[in-house]
C-alpha atoms as a PDB file:
ATOM      1  CA  UNK A   1       1.620 -26.218  -4.851  1.00  0.00           C
ATOM      2  CA  UNK A   2      -0.079 -23.632  -4.801  1.00  0.00           C
ATOM      3  CA  UNK A   3      -0.430 -23.805  -1.288  1.00  0.00           C
ATOM      4  CA  UNK A   4       3.135 -23.574  -1.223  1.00  0.00           C
ATOM      5  CA  UNK A   5       3.592 -19.887  -3.563  1.00  0.00           C
ATOM      6  CA  UNK A   6       1.049 -18.391  -1.277  1.00  0.00           C
ATOM      7  CA  UNK A   7       3.569 -19.955   1.590  1.00  0.00           C
ATOM      8  CA  UNK A   8       5.960 -17.803  -0.023  1.00  0.00           C
ATOM      9  CA  UNK A   9       3.856 -14.420  -0.948  1.00  0.00           C
ATOM     10  CA  UNK A  10       2.251 -14.656   2.727  1.00  0.00           C
ATOM     11  CA  UNK A  11       6.182 -14.473   4.138  1.00  0.00           C
ATOM     12  CA  UNK A  12       6.884 -12.009   2.105  1.00  0.00           C
ATOM     13  CA  UNK A  13       4.784 -10.180   3.193  1.00  0.00           C
ATOM     14  CA  UNK A  14       5.681 -11.051   7.579  1.00  0.00           C
ATOM     15  CA  UNK A  15       8.597  -8.931   6.106  1.00  0.00           C
ATOM     16  CA  UNK A  16       7.020  -5.714   6.006  1.00  0.00           C
ATOM     17  CA  UNK A  17       8.712  -3.120   7.681  1.00  0.00           C
ATOM     18  CA  UNK A  18       7.580   0.356   6.975  1.00  0.00           C
ATOM     19  CA  UNK A  19       5.484   0.286   3.775  1.00  0.00           C
ATOM     20  CA  UNK A  20       4.739  -2.729   1.158  1.00  0.00           C
ATOM     21  CA  UNK A  21       5.635  -0.689  -1.433  1.00  0.00           C
ATOM     22  CA  UNK A  22       6.921   2.785  -2.532  1.00  0.00           C
ATOM     23  CA  UNK A  23       7.855   3.354  -6.050  1.00  0.00           C
ATOM     24  CA  UNK A  24      10.829   6.028  -5.324  1.00  0.00           C
ATOM     25  CA  UNK A  25      12.743   3.269  -2.637  1.00  0.00           C
ATOM     26  CA  UNK A  26      14.154   1.189  -5.539  1.00  0.00           C
ATOM     27  CA  UNK A  27      15.856  -2.389  -4.650  1.00  0.00           C
ATOM     28  CA  UNK A  28      19.716  -2.252  -3.284  1.00  0.00           C
ATOM     29  CA  UNK A  29      22.920  -4.466  -3.941  1.00  0.00           C
ATOM     30  CA  UNK A  30      23.514  -5.057  -0.145  1.00  0.00           C
ATOM     31  CA  UNK A  31      27.223  -4.979   0.836  1.00  0.00           C
ATOM     32  CA  UNK A  32      25.840  -7.646   3.979  1.00  0.00           C
ATOM     33  CA  UNK A  33      23.525  -9.118   5.879  1.00  0.00           C
ATOM     34  CA  UNK A  34      23.601  -7.068   8.406  1.00  0.00           C
ATOM     35  CA  UNK A  35      22.677  -3.572   6.116  1.00  0.00           C
ATOM     36  CA  UNK A  36      20.325  -6.188   4.389  1.00  0.00           C
ATOM     37  CA  UNK A  37      17.637  -6.896   7.677  1.00  0.00           C
ATOM     38  CA  UNK A  38      18.646  -3.634   8.488  1.00  0.00           C
ATOM     39  CA  UNK A  39      16.486  -2.103   5.957  1.00  0.00           C
ATOM     40  CA  UNK A  40      13.629  -0.121   6.045  1.00  0.00           C
ATOM     41  CA  UNK A  41      13.237  -0.295   2.509  1.00  0.00           C
ATOM     42  CA  UNK A  42       9.413  -1.302   1.250  1.00  0.00           C
ATOM     43  CA  UNK A  43       8.247  -5.208   1.119  1.00  0.00           C
ATOM     44  CA  UNK A  44       8.387  -5.482  -2.280  1.00  0.00           C
ATOM     45  CA  UNK A  45      12.055  -4.403  -3.054  1.00  0.00           C
ATOM     46  CA  UNK A  46      12.951  -7.941  -1.151  1.00  0.00           C
ATOM     47  CA  UNK A  47      11.979  -9.712  -3.992  1.00  0.00           C
ATOM     48  CA  UNK A  48      14.179  -7.903  -6.258  1.00  0.00           C
ATOM     49  CA  UNK A  49      16.455  -7.935  -3.822  1.00  0.00           C
ATOM     50  CA  UNK A  50      16.380 -11.947  -2.381  1.00  0.00           C
ATOM     51  CA  UNK A  51      13.567 -14.224  -3.641  1.00  0.00           C
ATOM     52  CA  UNK A  52      14.403 -13.162  -7.544  1.00  0.00           C
ATOM     53  CA  UNK A  53      17.693 -14.979  -6.623  1.00  0.00           C
ATOM     54  CA  UNK A  54      16.984 -17.706  -5.439  1.00  0.00           C
ATOM     55  CA  UNK A  55      16.412 -20.050  -8.264  1.00  0.00           C
ATOM     56  CA  UNK A  56      19.645 -19.414  -9.318  1.00  0.00           C
ATOM     57  CA  UNK A  57      21.437 -20.576  -6.273  1.00  0.00           C
ATOM     58  CA  UNK A  58      19.667 -24.622  -6.115  1.00  0.00           C
ATOM     59  CA  UNK A  59      22.193 -27.159  -7.002  1.00  0.00           C
ATOM     60  CA  UNK A  60      19.496 -30.134  -7.754  1.00  0.00           C
ATOM     61  CA  UNK A  61      18.067 -30.661 -10.460  1.00  0.00           C
ATOM     62  CA  UNK A  62      14.391 -30.759  -8.346  1.00  0.00           C
ATOM     63  CA  UNK A  63      15.847 -27.452  -5.933  1.00  0.00           C
ATOM     64  CA  UNK A  64      16.191 -25.679  -9.792  1.00  0.00           C
ATOM     65  CA  UNK A  65      12.750 -27.586 -11.178  1.00  0.00           C
ATOM     66  CA  UNK A  66      10.467 -26.100  -7.790  1.00  0.00           C
ATOM     67  CA  UNK A  67      12.304 -22.805  -7.392  1.00  0.00           C
ATOM     68  CA  UNK A  68      12.013 -21.392 -11.520  1.00  0.00           C
ATOM     69  CA  UNK A  69       7.796 -22.412 -10.710  1.00  0.00           C
ATOM     70  CA  UNK A  70       7.974 -20.435  -7.862  1.00  0.00           C
ATOM     71  CA  UNK A  71       9.756 -17.726  -9.646  1.00  0.00           C
ATOM     72  CA  UNK A  72       6.887 -17.648 -12.373  1.00  0.00           C
ATOM     73  CA  UNK A  73       4.573 -17.345  -9.511  1.00  0.00           C
ATOM     74  CA  UNK A  74       6.452 -14.363  -7.393  1.00  0.00           C
ATOM     75  CA  UNK A  75       6.691 -12.881 -11.212  1.00  0.00           C
ATOM     76  CA  UNK A  76       3.008 -13.307 -11.498  1.00  0.00           C
ATOM     77  CA  UNK A  77       2.108 -12.168  -8.618  1.00  0.00           C
ATOM     78  CA  UNK A  78       4.287  -9.085  -8.900  1.00  0.00           C
ATOM     79  CA  UNK A  79       2.298  -8.579 -12.254  1.00  0.00           C
ATOM     80  CA  UNK A  80      -0.457  -8.996 -10.621  1.00  0.00           C
ATOM     81  CA  UNK A  81       0.519  -6.175  -7.831  1.00  0.00           C
ATOM     82  CA  UNK A  82       1.491  -3.934  -9.707  1.00  0.00           C
ATOM     83  CA  UNK A  83      -1.139  -3.777 -12.478  1.00  0.00           C
ATOM     84  CA  UNK A  84      -3.056  -3.078  -9.233  1.00  0.00           C
ATOM     85  CA  UNK A  85      -1.350  -0.456  -8.592  1.00  0.00           C
ATOM     86  CA  UNK A  86      -1.387   1.386 -11.323  1.00  0.00           C
ATOM     87  CA  UNK A  87      -4.915   0.987 -11.914  1.00  0.00           C
ATOM     88  CA  UNK A  88      -4.624  -0.839 -14.753  1.00  0.00           C
ATOM     89  CA  UNK A  89      -6.486  -3.985 -13.048  1.00  0.00           C
END
């Protein structure tokens, strides 16, 4: 499972456009897919703008279980990231 979870983070990092993180640019709620795709928001925002929303869209019990595990993994990843960003780790 860890390899699949790492792949989620790796694919998100590939999504980098301008910056990995900028605390001055909060996540947005986009009106349409085109605005989302054309956004220059930092990569970390992608977790909040899309990835964290996925677990609530799963239809099957298996999908829900996998999505919950991956959701927790992403939360732990960001907790580690922010701790390092703020110099706490």
